Protein backbone atom coordinates (compact mmCIF):
# COMPACT_ATOMS: atom_id res chain seq x y z
CA MET A 1 -166.51 -61.52 21.80
CA SER A 2 -168.84 -64.51 21.78
CA THR A 3 -168.20 -67.94 23.25
CA THR A 4 -169.79 -71.02 21.72
CA PHE A 5 -170.97 -73.62 24.20
CA PRO A 6 -171.67 -77.25 23.34
CA ASP A 7 -175.26 -78.47 23.33
CA LEU A 8 -175.51 -79.81 26.88
CA ALA A 9 -178.28 -80.30 29.39
CA PRO A 10 -177.86 -81.55 32.95
CA ASP A 11 -178.10 -85.27 33.51
CA THR A 12 -181.12 -85.78 35.77
CA ALA A 13 -179.14 -88.47 37.59
CA THR A 14 -177.14 -85.68 39.24
CA THR A 15 -180.17 -84.47 41.15
CA SER A 16 -181.29 -86.22 44.29
CA ALA A 17 -184.61 -87.29 42.71
CA THR A 18 -185.46 -89.64 39.90
CA ALA A 19 -187.31 -88.23 36.90
CA ALA A 20 -190.58 -89.61 38.31
CA GLU A 21 -190.07 -87.70 41.58
CA LEU A 22 -189.32 -84.34 39.94
CA VAL A 23 -191.75 -81.47 40.13
CA TRP A 24 -191.46 -78.88 37.37
CA HIS A 25 -191.56 -75.24 38.46
CA ASP A 26 -192.28 -72.36 36.08
CA VAL A 27 -189.54 -69.88 36.97
CA CYS A 28 -189.45 -67.12 34.34
CA ALA A 29 -189.69 -66.24 30.68
CA LEU A 30 -186.72 -67.27 28.54
CA GLU A 31 -186.40 -63.64 27.40
CA ASP A 32 -185.86 -62.60 31.05
CA LEU A 33 -182.46 -64.33 30.97
CA GLU A 34 -179.48 -62.75 29.24
CA VAL A 35 -177.31 -65.02 27.07
CA GLN A 36 -174.01 -66.08 28.73
CA TRP A 37 -175.10 -64.68 32.08
CA GLY A 38 -176.36 -66.12 35.35
CA GLU A 39 -179.42 -65.14 37.37
CA ALA A 40 -180.55 -66.26 40.80
CA ALA A 41 -184.11 -67.38 41.46
CA ARG A 42 -185.95 -68.71 44.47
CA VAL A 43 -187.69 -71.90 43.36
CA ALA A 44 -189.86 -73.77 45.85
CA GLY A 45 -187.84 -72.27 48.72
CA ARG A 46 -184.50 -73.21 47.15
CA GLN A 47 -181.98 -70.75 45.69
CA VAL A 48 -181.22 -71.77 42.11
CA ALA A 49 -178.74 -70.28 39.63
CA LEU A 50 -179.98 -70.17 36.03
CA PHE A 51 -177.51 -69.86 33.15
CA ARG A 52 -178.69 -69.10 29.63
CA VAL A 53 -175.78 -70.43 27.60
CA ASP A 54 -177.21 -69.70 24.14
CA ALA A 55 -180.43 -68.61 22.46
CA ALA A 56 -182.38 -71.70 23.54
CA THR A 57 -180.36 -73.51 26.25
CA VAL A 58 -180.68 -72.86 29.97
CA LEU A 59 -178.80 -74.81 32.65
CA ALA A 60 -179.58 -74.75 36.37
CA ALA A 61 -177.65 -75.50 39.54
CA ASP A 62 -177.85 -74.63 43.20
CA HIS A 63 -176.96 -70.98 43.79
CA ARG A 64 -175.12 -72.06 46.97
CA ASP A 65 -171.40 -72.65 46.51
CA PRO A 66 -170.82 -76.20 47.82
CA ARG A 67 -167.42 -75.30 49.27
CA THR A 68 -168.26 -72.10 51.15
CA GLY A 69 -172.04 -72.24 51.56
CA ALA A 70 -172.36 -68.69 50.16
CA CYS A 71 -175.13 -68.05 47.63
CA VAL A 72 -172.97 -66.67 44.81
CA LEU A 73 -172.85 -69.08 41.88
CA ALA A 74 -175.21 -67.10 39.62
CA ARG A 75 -172.45 -64.47 39.63
CA GLY A 76 -169.84 -67.00 38.55
CA ILE A 77 -168.05 -66.94 35.22
CA LEU A 78 -169.41 -69.19 32.48
CA GLY A 79 -166.86 -71.06 30.43
CA SER A 80 -166.05 -74.47 29.04
CA ARG A 81 -163.57 -77.29 29.44
CA GLY A 82 -163.63 -79.61 26.47
CA ASP A 83 -167.30 -80.32 25.81
CA ALA A 84 -168.40 -79.32 29.33
CA VAL A 85 -170.17 -76.03 30.04
CA THR A 86 -168.70 -74.74 33.30
CA VAL A 87 -169.15 -72.09 35.95
CA ALA A 88 -166.30 -70.77 38.09
CA SER A 89 -167.26 -69.75 41.60
CA PRO A 90 -166.62 -66.04 42.17
CA LEU A 91 -165.16 -66.74 45.63
CA HIS A 92 -162.40 -69.33 45.34
CA LYS A 93 -162.60 -69.96 41.57
CA GLU A 94 -163.53 -73.66 41.80
CA VAL A 95 -164.84 -74.72 38.40
CA TYR A 96 -167.95 -76.90 38.15
CA ASP A 97 -169.34 -78.85 35.21
CA LEU A 98 -172.93 -77.60 34.79
CA GLY A 99 -173.93 -80.89 33.16
CA THR A 100 -172.80 -83.18 35.96
CA GLY A 101 -172.05 -80.91 38.94
CA ARG A 102 -168.56 -82.38 39.27
CA CYS A 103 -165.86 -80.07 40.63
CA LEU A 104 -163.17 -79.81 37.94
CA SER A 105 -160.70 -77.99 40.23
CA GLY A 106 -159.57 -80.98 42.23
CA ASP A 107 -161.55 -83.14 44.59
CA GLY A 108 -163.93 -80.51 45.94
CA PRO A 109 -167.59 -81.21 46.68
CA ALA A 110 -170.03 -81.55 43.78
CA LEU A 111 -172.54 -78.88 42.84
CA ALA A 112 -176.20 -79.92 42.68
CA VAL A 113 -177.49 -79.42 39.13
CA HIS A 114 -181.13 -79.46 38.04
CA PRO A 115 -182.87 -80.36 34.80
CA VAL A 116 -184.40 -77.52 32.79
CA ARG A 117 -187.10 -77.44 30.15
CA VAL A 118 -187.90 -74.49 27.94
CA SER A 119 -191.50 -74.67 26.77
CA ALA A 120 -193.58 -71.99 25.04
CA GLY A 121 -190.96 -69.39 25.98
CA ARG A 122 -191.03 -70.32 29.68
CA VAL A 123 -188.16 -71.75 31.75
CA LEU A 124 -189.12 -74.69 33.96
CA VAL A 125 -186.78 -76.21 36.55
CA GLY A 126 -187.22 -79.74 37.87
CA LEU A 127 -186.73 -80.14 41.61
CA PRO A 128 -187.51 -83.00 43.96
CA GLY A 129 -190.47 -82.41 46.23
CA ALA A 130 -194.04 -81.31 46.51
CA GLU A 131 -196.38 -79.43 44.19
CA GLY A 132 -195.06 -77.39 41.27
CA GLY A 133 -196.31 -74.04 40.09
CA ALA A 134 -195.05 -70.50 40.11
CA GLY A 135 -191.40 -70.47 41.02
CA GLY A 136 -190.76 -66.95 42.15
CA GLY A 137 -188.84 -65.59 39.20
CA ALA A 138 -185.28 -64.62 38.37
CA SER A 139 -183.69 -61.75 40.23
């Protein structure tokens, strides 16, 4: 059974840096990511969850669950609520909007989301900070 997700990319305003402060990190090949599945990657020392929601769209968020602090979100369940692409934490089932980071299961803490570019078959994640470059790859 296949789920259709709306065309959605994270709003860069949900990251802690403005677009001018972002550094783009080459993380992996698009083909390394399975559709409708999450993968964890270490990017510039930060654990990031990558979600390939369809053939060409990848969304990224912190791998760390904002409620528990456990690095588990890449193993969450992708879904949708209305037009929002969501991930449900595998621990306490909080649901987060992968476009905004907002917790949709009440007034829980927000999830940090990160902008993603797919260019020439490569997945690049924008993070605030110093020099870009090789990201470390999906695991």
